[in-house]
C-alpha atoms as a PDB file:
ATOM      1  CA  MET A   1      13.633   3.652  27.212  1.00  0.00           C
ATOM      2  CA  THR A   2      15.665   2.524  24.186  1.00  0.00           C
ATOM      3  CA  PHE A   3      14.880  -1.069  23.201  1.00  0.00           C
ATOM      4  CA  ILE A   4      17.154  -1.451  20.156  1.00  0.00           C
ATOM      5  CA  ASP A   5      20.374   0.530  20.324  1.00  0.00           C
ATOM      6  CA  ILE A   6      22.654   0.565  17.263  1.00  0.00           C
ATOM      7  CA  ARG A   7      25.927   2.481  17.452  1.00  0.00           C
ATOM      8  CA  GLY A   8      28.660   3.013  14.867  1.00  0.00           C
ATOM      9  CA  LEU A   9      27.442   0.169  12.650  1.00  0.00           C
ATOM     10  CA  LYS A  10      29.661  -0.324   9.615  1.00  0.00           C
ATOM     11  CA  LYS A  11      29.805  -2.899   6.837  1.00  0.00           C
ATOM     12  CA  SER A  12      32.525  -3.272   4.241  1.00  0.00           C
ATOM     13  CA  PHE A  13      33.005  -5.780   1.462  1.00  0.00           C
ATOM     14  CA  GLY A  14      36.725  -5.651   0.749  1.00  0.00           C
ATOM     15  CA  PRO A  15      37.667  -2.025   0.081  1.00  0.00           C
ATOM     16  CA  THR A  16      34.036  -0.979  -0.451  1.00  0.00           C
ATOM     17  CA  THR A  17      32.080   0.366   2.511  1.00  0.00           C
ATOM     18  CA  VAL A  18      28.324  -0.033   2.071  1.00  0.00           C
ATOM     19  CA  VAL A  19      27.186   1.111   5.541  1.00  0.00           C
ATOM     20  CA  HIS A  20      28.879   4.083   7.214  1.00  0.00           C
ATOM     21  CA  ASP A  21      28.747   4.631  11.007  1.00  0.00           C
ATOM     22  CA  PHE A  22      25.018   4.000  11.313  1.00  0.00           C
ATOM     23  CA  ASP A  23      23.340   4.993  14.613  1.00  0.00           C
ATOM     24  CA  LEU A  24      19.723   4.326  15.604  1.00  0.00           C
ATOM     25  CA  SER A  25      17.732   4.102  18.828  1.00  0.00           C
ATOM     26  CA  VAL A  26      14.355   2.344  18.689  1.00  0.00           C
ATOM     27  CA  GLU A  27      11.748   2.401  21.442  1.00  0.00           C
ATOM     28  CA  ARG A  28       9.839  -0.724  22.470  1.00  0.00           C
ATOM     29  CA  GLY A  29       6.792  -1.205  20.230  1.00  0.00           C
ATOM     30  CA  GLU A  30       7.921   1.302  17.594  1.00  0.00           C
ATOM     31  CA  PHE A  31       7.401   0.732  13.880  1.00  0.00           C
ATOM     32  CA  ILE A  32      10.504   1.976  12.036  1.00  0.00           C
ATOM     33  CA  SER A  33      10.877   2.019   8.242  1.00  0.00           C
ATOM     34  CA  PHE A  34      14.179   2.036   6.370  1.00  0.00           C
ATOM     35  CA  LEU A  35      13.421   3.969   3.181  1.00  0.00           C
ATOM     36  CA  GLY A  36      15.735   4.437   0.237  1.00  0.00           C
ATOM     37  CA  PRO A  37      16.600   3.392  -3.318  1.00  0.00           C
ATOM     38  CA  SER A  38      18.114   0.042  -4.278  1.00  0.00           C
ATOM     39  CA  GLY A  39      21.699  -0.285  -3.128  1.00  0.00           C
ATOM     40  CA  CYS A  40      21.454   2.279  -0.304  1.00  0.00           C
ATOM     41  CA  GLY A  41      22.270  -0.286   2.425  1.00  0.00           C
ATOM     42  CA  LYS A  42      18.839  -0.717   4.034  1.00  0.00           C
ATOM     43  CA  THR A  43      18.661  -4.514   3.619  1.00  0.00           C
ATOM     44  CA  THR A  44      22.304  -4.900   4.667  1.00  0.00           C
ATOM     45  CA  ILE A  45      21.553  -3.099   7.947  1.00  0.00           C
ATOM     46  CA  LEU A  46      18.470  -5.269   8.483  1.00  0.00           C
ATOM     47  CA  ARG A  47      20.507  -8.444   7.867  1.00  0.00           C
ATOM     48  CA  MET A  48      23.151  -7.281  10.347  1.00  0.00           C
ATOM     49  CA  ILE A  49      20.436  -6.783  12.977  1.00  0.00           C
ATOM     50  CA  ALA A  50      19.112 -10.275  12.211  1.00  0.00           C
ATOM     51  CA  GLY A  51      22.595 -11.797  12.263  1.00  0.00           C
ATOM     52  CA  PHE A  52      22.662 -12.950   8.623  1.00  0.00           C
ATOM     53  CA  GLU A  53      25.489 -10.472   7.929  1.00  0.00           C
ATOM     54  CA  SER A  54      28.346  -9.783  10.300  1.00  0.00           C
ATOM     55  CA  ALA A  55      29.137  -6.160  11.108  1.00  0.00           C
ATOM     56  CA  THR A  56      32.589  -4.851  10.235  1.00  0.00           C
ATOM     57  CA  ALA A  57      32.360  -2.524  13.234  1.00  0.00           C
ATOM     58  CA  GLY A  58      29.801  -1.223  15.695  1.00  0.00           C
ATOM     59  CA  SER A  59      27.369  -2.567  18.270  1.00  0.00           C
ATOM     60  CA  ILE A  60      23.780  -3.847  18.239  1.00  0.00           C
ATOM     61  CA  ALA A  61      21.930  -4.151  21.539  1.00  0.00           C
ATOM     62  CA  ILE A  62      18.407  -5.537  21.973  1.00  0.00           C
ATOM     63  CA  ALA A  63      16.716  -5.042  25.354  1.00  0.00           C
ATOM     64  CA  GLY A  64      20.093  -4.047  26.815  1.00  0.00           C
ATOM     65  CA  LYS A  65      21.881  -7.178  25.539  1.00  0.00           C
ATOM     66  CA  GLU A  66      24.702  -6.931  23.015  1.00  0.00           C
ATOM     67  CA  VAL A  67      23.878  -9.310  20.142  1.00  0.00           C
ATOM     68  CA  ALA A  68      26.315  -8.373  17.365  1.00  0.00           C
ATOM     69  CA  HIS A  69      28.445 -11.441  18.146  1.00  0.00           C
ATOM     70  CA  LEU A  70      25.493 -13.864  18.437  1.00  0.00           C
ATOM     71  CA  PRO A  71      24.136 -16.169  15.684  1.00  0.00           C
ATOM     72  CA  PRO A  72      20.633 -15.420  14.333  1.00  0.00           C
ATOM     73  CA  ALA A  73      18.956 -18.104  16.449  1.00  0.00           C
ATOM     74  CA  LYS A  74      20.197 -16.447  19.648  1.00  0.00           C
ATOM     75  CA  ARG A  75      18.973 -12.923  18.872  1.00  0.00           C
ATOM     76  CA  ASP A  76      15.238 -13.450  19.458  1.00  0.00           C
ATOM     77  CA  VAL A  77      14.178 -11.794  16.193  1.00  0.00           C
ATOM     78  CA  GLY A  78      11.704 -12.893  13.545  1.00  0.00           C
ATOM     79  CA  MET A  79      12.279 -12.061   9.884  1.00  0.00           C
ATOM     80  CA  VAL A  80       9.969 -11.947   6.881  1.00  0.00           C
ATOM     81  CA  PHE A  81      11.663 -12.031   3.480  1.00  0.00           C
ATOM     82  CA  GLN A  82      10.703 -10.457   0.178  1.00  0.00           C
ATOM     83  CA  SER A  83      10.475 -13.901  -1.455  1.00  0.00           C
ATOM     84  CA  TYR A  84       8.279 -15.390   1.355  1.00  0.00           C
ATOM     85  CA  ALA A  85      10.813 -18.268   1.776  1.00  0.00           C
ATOM     86  CA  LEU A  86       8.096 -20.770   2.690  1.00  0.00           C
ATOM     87  CA  PHE A  87       8.932 -24.472   2.621  1.00  0.00           C
ATOM     88  CA  PRO A  88       7.096 -25.805  -0.477  1.00  0.00           C
ATOM     89  CA  ASN A  89       6.906 -29.367   0.841  1.00  0.00           C
ATOM     90  CA  MET A  90       5.198 -28.306   4.075  1.00  0.00           C
ATOM     91  CA  THR A  91       1.590 -27.341   4.693  1.00  0.00           C
ATOM     92  CA  VAL A  92       0.674 -23.877   5.886  1.00  0.00           C
ATOM     93  CA  ALA A  93       0.309 -25.196   9.437  1.00  0.00           C
ATOM     94  CA  ASP A  94       3.700 -26.920   9.312  1.00  0.00           C
ATOM     95  CA  ASN A  95       5.369 -23.782   7.962  1.00  0.00           C
ATOM     96  CA  ILE A  96       3.970 -21.762  10.861  1.00  0.00           C
ATOM     97  CA  ALA A  97       4.990 -24.484  13.323  1.00  0.00           C
ATOM     98  CA  PHE A  98       8.564 -24.755  12.035  1.00  0.00           C
ATOM     99  CA  GLY A  99      10.199 -22.337  14.466  1.00  0.00           C
ATOM    100  CA  LEU A 100       8.227 -23.745  17.377  1.00  0.00           C
ATOM    101  CA  ARG A 101       9.459 -27.265  16.603  1.00  0.00           C
ATOM    102  CA  VAL A 102      13.052 -26.024  16.363  1.00  0.00           C
ATOM    103  CA  ALA A 103      12.532 -24.461  19.804  1.00  0.00           C
ATOM    104  CA  LYS A 104      11.293 -27.873  21.032  1.00  0.00           C
ATOM    105  CA  ARG A 105       7.908 -26.656  22.171  1.00  0.00           C
ATOM    106  CA  SER A 106       5.347 -29.311  23.181  1.00  0.00           C
ATOM    107  CA  ALA A 107       2.906 -30.702  20.626  1.00  0.00           C
ATOM    108  CA  ASP A 108      -0.067 -29.179  22.451  1.00  0.00           C
ATOM    109  CA  GLU A 109       1.580 -25.752  22.586  1.00  0.00           C
ATOM    110  CA  ILE A 110       2.423 -25.946  18.885  1.00  0.00           C
ATOM    111  CA  ARG A 111      -1.142 -26.878  17.902  1.00  0.00           C
ATOM    112  CA  THR A 112      -2.569 -24.061  20.004  1.00  0.00           C
ATOM    113  CA  ARG A 113      -0.122 -21.484  18.709  1.00  0.00           C
ATOM    114  CA  VAL A 114      -0.608 -22.479  15.057  1.00  0.00           C
ATOM    115  CA  ARG A 115      -4.369 -22.198  15.471  1.00  0.00           C
ATOM    116  CA  GLN A 116      -3.927 -18.737  17.034  1.00  0.00           C
ATOM    117  CA  MET A 117      -1.689 -17.635  14.165  1.00  0.00           C
ATOM    118  CA  LEU A 118      -4.096 -18.888  11.493  1.00  0.00           C
ATOM    119  CA  ASP A 119      -6.894 -16.925  13.160  1.00  0.00           C
ATOM    120  CA  LEU A 120      -4.671 -13.855  13.474  1.00  0.00           C
ATOM    121  CA  ILE A 121      -3.835 -13.804   9.754  1.00  0.00           C
ATOM    122  CA  LYS A 122      -7.456 -14.578   8.829  1.00  0.00           C
ATOM    123  CA  LEU A 123      -6.684 -17.936   7.189  1.00  0.00           C
ATOM    124  CA  PRO A 124      -8.223 -20.329   9.745  1.00  0.00           C
ATOM    125  CA  HIS A 125      -9.353 -22.915   7.185  1.00  0.00           C
ATOM    126  CA  LEU A 126      -6.199 -23.082   5.046  1.00  0.00           C
ATOM    127  CA  GLY A 127      -3.833 -24.829   7.447  1.00  0.00           C
ATOM    128  CA  GLU A 128      -3.663 -28.027   5.379  1.00  0.00           C
ATOM    129  CA  ARG A 129      -2.949 -26.323   2.071  1.00  0.00           C
ATOM    130  CA  TYR A 130       0.514 -26.023   0.531  1.00  0.00           C
ATOM    131  CA  PRO A 131       2.154 -22.715  -0.443  1.00  0.00           C
ATOM    132  CA  TYR A 132       1.567 -23.252  -4.176  1.00  0.00           C
ATOM    133  CA  GLN A 133      -2.178 -23.391  -3.471  1.00  0.00           C
ATOM    134  CA  LEU A 134      -2.175 -19.866  -2.004  1.00  0.00           C
ATOM    135  CA  SER A 135      -2.157 -16.401  -3.543  1.00  0.00           C
ATOM    136  CA  GLY A 136       0.852 -14.142  -3.071  1.00  0.00           C
ATOM    137  CA  GLY A 137      -0.908 -12.151  -0.371  1.00  0.00           C
ATOM    138  CA  GLN A 138      -1.877 -15.318   1.494  1.00  0.00           C
ATOM    139  CA  GLN A 139       1.684 -16.651   1.285  1.00  0.00           C
ATOM    140  CA  GLN A 140       3.017 -13.420   2.766  1.00  0.00           C
ATOM    141  CA  ARG A 141       0.515 -13.680   5.619  1.00  0.00           C
ATOM    142  CA  VAL A 142       1.799 -17.194   6.331  1.00  0.00           C
ATOM    143  CA  ALA A 143       5.406 -15.957   6.278  1.00  0.00           C
ATOM    144  CA  LEU A 144       4.415 -13.247   8.768  1.00  0.00           C
ATOM    145  CA  ALA A 145       2.656 -15.771  11.017  1.00  0.00           C
ATOM    146  CA  ARG A 146       5.711 -18.058  10.964  1.00  0.00           C
ATOM    147  CA  ALA A 147       7.941 -15.129  12.011  1.00  0.00           C
ATOM    148  CA  ILE A 148       5.786 -14.076  14.972  1.00  0.00           C
ATOM    149  CA  ALA A 149       4.679 -17.548  16.115  1.00  0.00           C
ATOM    150  CA  VAL A 150       7.773 -17.868  18.313  1.00  0.00           C
ATOM    151  CA  LYS A 151       6.983 -14.494  19.952  1.00  0.00           C
ATOM    152  CA  PRO A 152      10.216 -12.724  19.006  1.00  0.00           C
ATOM    153  CA  GLN A 153      11.221  -9.464  20.651  1.00  0.00           C
ATOM    154  CA  VAL A 154      11.824  -7.837  17.262  1.00  0.00           C
ATOM    155  CA  LEU A 155      10.150  -8.311  13.872  1.00  0.00           C
ATOM    156  CA  LEU A 156      12.196  -7.542  10.748  1.00  0.00           C
ATOM    157  CA  LEU A 157      10.440  -7.147   7.389  1.00  0.00           C
ATOM    158  CA  ASP A 158      12.538  -7.022   4.197  1.00  0.00           C
ATOM    159  CA  GLU A 159      10.352  -5.468   1.467  1.00  0.00           C
ATOM    160  CA  PRO A 160       7.597  -8.014   2.149  1.00  0.00           C
ATOM    161  CA  LEU A 161       5.081  -6.370  -0.201  1.00  0.00           C
ATOM    162  CA  SER A 162       7.210  -5.703  -3.276  1.00  0.00           C
ATOM    163  CA  ALA A 163       6.126  -8.849  -5.143  1.00  0.00           C
ATOM    164  CA  LEU A 164       2.399  -8.110  -4.783  1.00  0.00           C
ATOM    165  CA  ASP A 165       0.128  -6.077  -7.018  1.00  0.00           C
ATOM    166  CA  ALA A 166      -0.841  -2.552  -5.957  1.00  0.00           C
ATOM    167  CA  LYS A 167      -4.299  -3.272  -4.539  1.00  0.00           C
ATOM    168  CA  ILE A 168      -3.142  -6.223  -2.426  1.00  0.00           C
ATOM    169  CA  ARG A 169      -0.139  -4.203  -1.208  1.00  0.00           C
ATOM    170  CA  VAL A 170      -2.390  -1.486   0.198  1.00  0.00           C
ATOM    171  CA  SER A 171      -4.637  -4.020   1.927  1.00  0.00           C
ATOM    172  CA  LEU A 172      -1.775  -6.071   3.361  1.00  0.00           C
ATOM    173  CA  ARG A 173       0.212  -3.085   4.626  1.00  0.00           C
ATOM    174  CA  GLU A 174      -2.862  -2.001   6.601  1.00  0.00           C
ATOM    175  CA  GLU A 175      -3.148  -5.521   8.035  1.00  0.00           C
ATOM    176  CA  ILE A 176       0.549  -5.643   8.959  1.00  0.00           C
ATOM    177  CA  ARG A 177       0.356  -2.308  10.746  1.00  0.00           C
ATOM    178  CA  ALA A 178      -2.836  -3.279  12.601  1.00  0.00           C
ATOM    179  CA  LEU A 179      -1.264  -6.595  13.616  1.00  0.00           C
ATOM    180  CA  GLN A 180       1.919  -4.876  14.797  1.00  0.00           C
ATOM    181  CA  LYS A 181      -0.086  -2.480  16.958  1.00  0.00           C
ATOM    182  CA  GLU A 182      -2.188  -5.318  18.381  1.00  0.00           C
ATOM    183  CA  LEU A 183       0.886  -7.358  19.349  1.00  0.00           C
ATOM    184  CA  GLY A 184       2.991  -4.348  20.358  1.00  0.00           C
ATOM    185  CA  ILE A 185       6.028  -5.886  18.707  1.00  0.00           C
ATOM    186  CA  THR A 186       9.031  -3.692  17.881  1.00  0.00           C
ATOM    187  CA  THR A 187       9.292  -3.707  14.082  1.00  0.00           C
ATOM    188  CA  ILE A 188      11.770  -2.599  11.425  1.00  0.00           C
ATOM    189  CA  PHE A 189      10.406  -2.519   7.889  1.00  0.00           C
ATOM    190  CA  VAL A 190      12.535  -2.120   4.744  1.00  0.00           C
ATOM    191  CA  THR A 191      10.968  -0.506   1.677  1.00  0.00           C
ATOM    192  CA  HIS A 192      11.770   1.634  -1.354  1.00  0.00           C
ATOM    193  CA  ASP A 193       8.134   2.760  -1.541  1.00  0.00           C
ATOM    194  CA  GLN A 194       7.632   6.175   0.065  1.00  0.00           C
ATOM    195  CA  GLU A 195       3.864   5.722   0.391  1.00  0.00           C
ATOM    196  CA  GLU A 196       4.365   2.531   2.405  1.00  0.00           C
ATOM    197  CA  ALA A 197       6.854   4.226   4.697  1.00  0.00           C
ATOM    198  CA  LEU A 198       4.727   7.352   5.180  1.00  0.00           C
ATOM    199  CA  SER A 199       1.508   5.441   5.872  1.00  0.00           C
ATOM    200  CA  MET A 200       2.862   2.727   8.176  1.00  0.00           C
ATOM    201  CA  SER A 201       5.691   4.159  10.248  1.00  0.00           C
ATOM    202  CA  ASP A 202       6.139   5.806  13.611  1.00  0.00           C
ATOM    203  CA  ARG A 203       9.499   7.016  12.306  1.00  0.00           C
ATOM    204  CA  ILE A 204      11.346   6.779   9.000  1.00  0.00           C
ATOM    205  CA  VAL A 205      15.081   6.391   8.399  1.00  0.00           C
ATOM    206  CA  VAL A 206      15.881   7.765   4.926  1.00  0.00           C
ATOM    207  CA  LEU A 207      19.057   6.108   3.641  1.00  0.00           C
ATOM    208  CA  SER A 208      21.402   7.072   0.830  1.00  0.00           C
ATOM    209  CA  GLU A 209      24.694   5.360  -0.017  1.00  0.00           C
ATOM    210  CA  GLY A 210      24.888   3.633   3.340  1.00  0.00           C
ATOM    211  CA  ARG A 211      24.197   6.736   5.431  1.00  0.00           C
ATOM    212  CA  ALA A 212      21.141   7.952   7.321  1.00  0.00           C
ATOM    213  CA  GLU A 213      20.218  11.217   5.604  1.00  0.00           C
ATOM    214  CA  GLN A 214      17.354  11.925   7.995  1.00  0.00           C
ATOM    215  CA  ILE A 215      15.481  10.205  10.825  1.00  0.00           C
ATOM    216  CA  GLY A 216      12.063  11.511  11.811  1.00  0.00           C
ATOM    217  CA  THR A 217       8.322  11.017  11.866  1.00  0.00           C
ATOM    218  CA  PRO A 218       6.523  10.812   8.503  1.00  0.00           C
ATOM    219  CA  PHE A 219       5.284  14.381   9.119  1.00  0.00           C
ATOM    220  CA  GLU A 220       8.827  15.651   9.722  1.00  0.00           C
ATOM    221  CA  VAL A 221      10.441  13.822   6.814  1.00  0.00           C
ATOM    222  CA  TYR A 222       7.764  14.909   4.346  1.00  0.00           C
ATOM    223  CA  ASN A 223       7.260  18.490   5.459  1.00  0.00           C
ATOM    224  CA  TYR A 224      10.776  19.339   6.611  1.00  0.00           C
ATOM    225  CA  PRO A 225      13.326  17.420   4.518  1.00  0.00           C
ATOM    226  CA  ARG A 226      16.856  18.335   5.548  1.00  0.00           C
ATOM    227  CA  THR A 227      18.814  17.520   2.408  1.00  0.00           C
ATOM    228  CA  ARG A 228      18.306  17.651  -1.333  1.00  0.00           C
ATOM    229  CA  PHE A 229      18.260  13.853  -1.466  1.00  0.00           C
ATOM    230  CA  VAL A 230      15.465  13.508   1.108  1.00  0.00           C
ATOM    231  CA  ALA A 231      13.505  16.319  -0.531  1.00  0.00           C
ATOM    232  CA  SER A 232      13.689  14.719  -3.966  1.00  0.00           C
ATOM    233  CA  PHE A 233      13.136  11.117  -2.813  1.00  0.00           C
ATOM    234  CA  VAL A 234      10.138  11.640  -0.507  1.00  0.00           C
ATOM    235  CA  GLY A 235       7.155  13.124  -2.292  1.00  0.00           C
ATOM    236  CA  THR A 236       6.997  15.609  -5.165  1.00  0.00           C
ATOM    237  CA  LEU A 237       9.002  18.753  -4.618  1.00  0.00           C
ATOM    238  CA  ASN A 238      10.120  21.909  -6.398  1.00  0.00           C
ATOM    239  CA  LEU A 239      13.889  22.377  -6.019  1.00  0.00           C
ATOM    240  CA  LEU A 240      15.141  25.848  -6.897  1.00  0.00           C
ATOM    241  CA  ALA A 241      18.316  27.896  -6.640  1.00  0.00           C
ATOM    242  CA  ALA A 242      18.228  31.084  -4.556  1.00  0.00           C
ATOM    243  CA  GLU A 243      20.760  33.635  -3.305  1.00  0.00           C
ATOM    244  CA  VAL A 244      21.128  34.724   0.315  1.00  0.00           C
ATOM    245  CA  VAL A 245      20.391  38.464   0.659  1.00  0.00           C
ATOM    246  CA  GLU A 246      20.008  39.052   4.416  1.00  0.00           C
ATOM    247  CA  PRO A 247      20.914  35.990   6.524  1.00  0.00           C
ATOM    248  CA  ALA A 248      19.725  37.477   9.823  1.00  0.00           C
ATOM    249  CA  ALA A 249      16.303  38.377   8.387  1.00  0.00           C
ATOM    250  CA  GLY A 250      15.906  35.137   6.414  1.00  0.00           C
ATOM    251  CA  ARG A 251      15.751  36.973   3.086  1.00  0.00           C
ATOM    252  CA  LEU A 252      16.607  35.361  -0.241  1.00  0.00           C
ATOM    253  CA  ALA A 253      16.557  36.366  -3.883  1.00  0.00           C
ATOM    254  CA  LEU A 254      14.556  33.894  -5.969  1.00  0.00           C
ATOM    255  CA  ASP A 255      14.663  34.628  -9.690  1.00  0.00           C
ATOM    256  CA  GLY A 256      15.256  38.303  -8.970  1.00  0.00           C
ATOM    257  CA  ARG A 257      12.482  38.616  -6.373  1.00  0.00           C
ATOM    258  CA  THR A 258      13.102  39.001  -2.651  1.00  0.00           C
ATOM    259  CA  VAL A 259      11.369  36.344  -0.561  1.00  0.00           C
ATOM    260  CA  SER A 260      11.528  35.323   3.097  1.00  0.00           C
ATOM    261  CA  THR A 261      12.044  31.937   4.728  1.00  0.00           C
ATOM    262  CA  ALA A 262      11.537  30.635   8.245  1.00  0.00           C
ATOM    263  CA  SER A 263      14.569  28.354   7.810  1.00  0.00           C
ATOM    264  CA  SER A 264      17.721  29.426   9.623  1.00  0.00           C
ATOM    265  CA  LEU A 265      20.333  31.169   7.473  1.00  0.00           C
ATOM    266  CA  ALA A 266      22.699  31.770  10.391  1.00  0.00           C
ATOM    267  CA  VAL A 267      25.551  29.769   8.841  1.00  0.00           C
ATOM    268  CA  ARG A 268      25.036  31.204   5.353  1.00  0.00           C
ATOM    269  CA  GLY A 269      26.871  34.164   3.910  1.00  0.00           C
ATOM    270  CA  THR A 270      25.427  37.050   1.925  1.00  0.00           C
ATOM    271  CA  GLY A 271      25.547  36.216  -1.788  1.00  0.00           C
ATOM    272  CA  GLU A 272      25.775  32.454  -1.163  1.00  0.00           C
ATOM    273  CA  THR A 273      23.727  30.236  -3.486  1.00  0.00           C
ATOM    274  CA  VAL A 274      21.464  27.763  -1.694  1.00  0.00           C
ATOM    275  CA  THR A 275      18.925  25.137  -2.709  1.00  0.00           C
ATOM    276  CA  VAL A 276      15.364  25.843  -1.610  1.00  0.00           C
ATOM    277  CA  ALA A 277      12.383  23.523  -1.753  1.00  0.00           C
ATOM    278  CA  MET A 278       8.611  23.957  -1.907  1.00  0.00           C
ATOM    279  CA  ARG A 279       5.885  21.319  -1.969  1.00  0.00           C
ATOM    280  CA  PRO A 280       3.420  21.751  -4.887  1.00  0.00           C
ATOM    281  CA  GLU A 281       0.432  21.630  -2.533  1.00  0.00           C
ATOM    282  CA  ALA A 282       1.845  24.504  -0.434  1.00  0.00           C
ATOM    283  CA  LEU A 283       1.714  26.969  -3.337  1.00  0.00           C
ATOM    284  CA  SER A 284      -1.251  29.118  -4.390  1.00  0.00           C
ATOM    285  CA  LEU A 285      -2.218  31.447  -7.204  1.00  0.00           C
ATOM    286  CA  GLY A 286      -3.684  34.884  -6.525  1.00  0.00           C
ATOM    287  CA  ALA A 287      -2.914  38.137  -4.781  1.00  0.00           C
ATOM    288  CA  ALA A 288      -0.661  37.865  -1.749  1.00  0.00           C
ATOM    289  CA  ALA A 289      -2.341  38.329   1.620  1.00  0.00           C
ATOM    290  CA  GLY A 290      -0.600  39.296   4.854  1.00  0.00           C
ATOM    291  CA  ASP A 291       3.098  38.436   4.866  1.00  0.00           C
ATOM    292  CA  ARG A 292       2.934  35.729   2.183  1.00  0.00           C
ATOM    293  CA  ASN A 293       5.697  35.723  -0.421  1.00  0.00           C
ATOM    294  CA  ALA A 294       4.621  36.619  -3.954  1.00  0.00           C
ATOM    295  CA  ILE A 295       6.383  36.030  -7.285  1.00  0.00           C
ATOM    296  CA  PRO A 296       4.921  36.793 -10.734  1.00  0.00           C
ATOM    297  CA  GLY A 297       5.014  34.113 -13.401  1.00  0.00           C
ATOM    298  CA  THR A 298       3.442  32.705 -16.543  1.00  0.00           C
ATOM    299  CA  VAL A 299       1.424  29.497 -16.820  1.00  0.00           C
ATOM    300  CA  GLU A 300       3.261  26.958 -18.965  1.00  0.00           C
ATOM    301  CA  ASP A 301       0.981  23.951 -18.577  1.00  0.00           C
ATOM    302  CA  VAL A 302      -2.180  22.737 -16.815  1.00  0.00           C
ATOM    303  CA  ALA A 303      -2.492  18.980 -16.244  1.00  0.00           C
ATOM    304  CA  PHE A 304      -5.747  17.432 -15.018  1.00  0.00           C
ATOM    305  CA  LEU A 305      -4.944  14.506 -12.674  1.00  0.00           C
ATOM    306  CA  GLY A 306      -8.429  13.742 -11.349  1.00  0.00           C
ATOM    307  CA  ALA A 307      -8.724  14.999  -7.767  1.00  0.00           C
ATOM    308  CA  VAL A 308      -5.730  17.266  -8.320  1.00  0.00           C
ATOM    309  CA  VAL A 309      -4.830  19.773 -11.032  1.00  0.00           C
ATOM    310  CA  ARG A 310      -1.088  20.340 -11.507  1.00  0.00           C
ATOM    311  CA  ILE A 311      -0.166  23.777 -12.845  1.00  0.00           C
ATOM    312  CA  ARG A 312       3.338  24.517 -14.088  1.00  0.00           C
ATOM    313  CA  VAL A 313       4.401  28.152 -13.763  1.00  0.00           C
ATOM    314  CA  ARG A 314       7.450  29.762 -15.325  1.00  0.00           C
ATOM    315  CA  LEU A 315       9.024  32.410 -13.092  1.00  0.00           C
ATOM    316  CA  ASP A 316      12.067  33.982 -14.722  1.00  0.00           C
ATOM    317  CA  ALA A 317      14.802  31.405 -15.179  1.00  0.00           C
ATOM    318  CA  GLN A 318      13.123  28.602 -13.207  1.00  0.00           C
ATOM    319  CA  THR A 319       9.857  26.674 -13.277  1.00  0.00           C
ATOM    320  CA  VAL A 320       7.677  25.447 -10.395  1.00  0.00           C
ATOM    321  CA  SER A 321       4.666  23.163 -10.157  1.00  0.00           C
ATOM    322  CA  LEU A 322       1.718  23.690  -7.854  1.00  0.00           C
ATOM    323  CA  ASP A 323      -1.167  21.366  -7.032  1.00  0.00           C
ATOM    324  CA  ALA A 324      -4.733  22.575  -6.594  1.00  0.00           C
ATOM    325  CA  PHE A 325      -7.822  20.550  -5.741  1.00  0.00           C
ATOM    326  CA  ASN A 326     -10.129  19.917  -8.669  1.00  0.00           C
ATOM    327  CA  GLN A 327     -13.182  22.112  -8.069  1.00  0.00           C
ATOM    328  CA  PRO A 328     -15.646  22.081 -11.010  1.00  0.00           C
ATOM    329  CA  SER A 329     -17.037  25.462  -9.962  1.00  0.00           C
ATOM    330  CA  VAL A 330     -13.615  27.153 -10.163  1.00  0.00           C
ATOM    331  CA  SER A 331     -12.159  27.998 -13.582  1.00  0.00           C
ATOM    332  CA  LEU A 332      -8.554  27.015 -14.226  1.00  0.00           C
ATOM    333  CA  PRO A 333      -5.845  29.294 -15.622  1.00  0.00           C
ATOM    334  CA  LYS A 334      -4.782  28.770 -19.218  1.00  0.00           C
ATOM    335  CA  LYS A 335      -1.402  28.423 -20.817  1.00  0.00           C
ATOM    336  CA  GLY A 336       0.155  31.863 -21.229  1.00  0.00           C
ATOM    337  CA  ASP A 337      -1.818  33.517 -18.419  1.00  0.00           C
ATOM    338  CA  ALA A 338       0.093  35.902 -16.175  1.00  0.00           C
ATOM    339  CA  VAL A 339      -0.296  34.782 -12.552  1.00  0.00           C
ATOM    340  CA  THR A 340       1.090  35.511  -9.095  1.00  0.00           C
ATOM    341  CA  LEU A 341       2.547  32.583  -7.135  1.00  0.00           C
ATOM    342  CA  THR A 342       2.203  32.931  -3.344  1.00  0.00           C
ATOM    343  CA  PHE A 343       3.538  30.915  -0.402  1.00  0.00           C
ATOM    344  CA  THR A 344       4.387  31.388   3.287  1.00  0.00           C
ATOM    345  CA  ARG A 345       7.795  31.775   4.915  1.00  0.00           C
ATOM    346  CA  GLU A 346       7.373  28.309   6.424  1.00  0.00           C
ATOM    347  CA  ASP A 347       6.725  26.743   2.998  1.00  0.00           C
ATOM    348  CA  LEU A 348      10.111  27.882   1.648  1.00  0.00           C
ATOM    349  CA  LEU A 349      12.663  25.366   2.967  1.00  0.00           C
ATOM    350  CA  VAL A 350      16.418  25.938   2.727  1.00  0.00           C
ATOM    351  CA  LEU A 351      18.106  22.552   2.393  1.00  0.00           C
ATOM    352  CA  GLU A 352      21.366  21.317   3.867  1.00  0.00           C
ATOM    353  CA  GLU A 353      23.999  19.990   1.478  1.00  0.00           C
ATOM    354  CA  ASP A 354      23.916  16.232   0.854  1.00  0.00           C
ATOM    355  CA  ARG A 355      26.678  14.401   2.666  1.00  0.00           C
END
């Protein structure tokens, strides 16, 4: 059953529309990530859900209750900000207790809940410290504890890890996801980092210029991007031009060679130019086996990246990259070597046009 239901959400600042007819249904307990570049509208949507921005049009329902007209305090959501937003003159314990005091909970309940939160974020002995005495990662844990102390129905996270260094980010994102699963709280997480979105989410909403380009599981978004934008933004991808040869049979001409795709070409016309995509790790070198596609090419470059070796191959007019695992017992091709690039029908994706 849908727990958060957003329909036709729109936000304009004067004549400029920054969110266009946004729709999203979220199940109870789901972890959803809004992924996209700066300025794509992801934080604006989050702030409209929280009530910090008013919607120009559209509806927002939480647990069947329309909340778009309600102030933030009446929406039963908790929010964690990029800048932590802790009160510097309050101790850790007082920061966590803030929302509980506003809700006029009893002193005993507040003490118990604060102690539970400190244990939950693994900072049980730091309740009397002030924010300036904590590391960035510890401050973000406190901000998270403050948001969930009041037991909100929805947790909103606005790029909470962007100010932390890489190692702490990885550790804290794992903790946030584990905590979210333990509590079963419905969560929306804003990020521009594809690795965060792919590793943490049940589903990802990829946003571009205020529109949802694609909504799907991490597996779907990574392996089956629908548009050129999604393909280029999520992961490393080869984007190539091809010409439709036989739409019904899924045949294309790629640099003068006929190849086949499993993507539907039903709405394409013979001779139409389309954009196709292939992940570097889906490509192989060697003789084609079975019904694999095969295109001859010439090695332009071999880059050693540790666990992976990236090989750049020139076809005719276009160049592709493929990734192979580093295997010391296997010799690598050299620049100038003639090779055959092979891939399956399923690995050749025909992309929709960006909206």
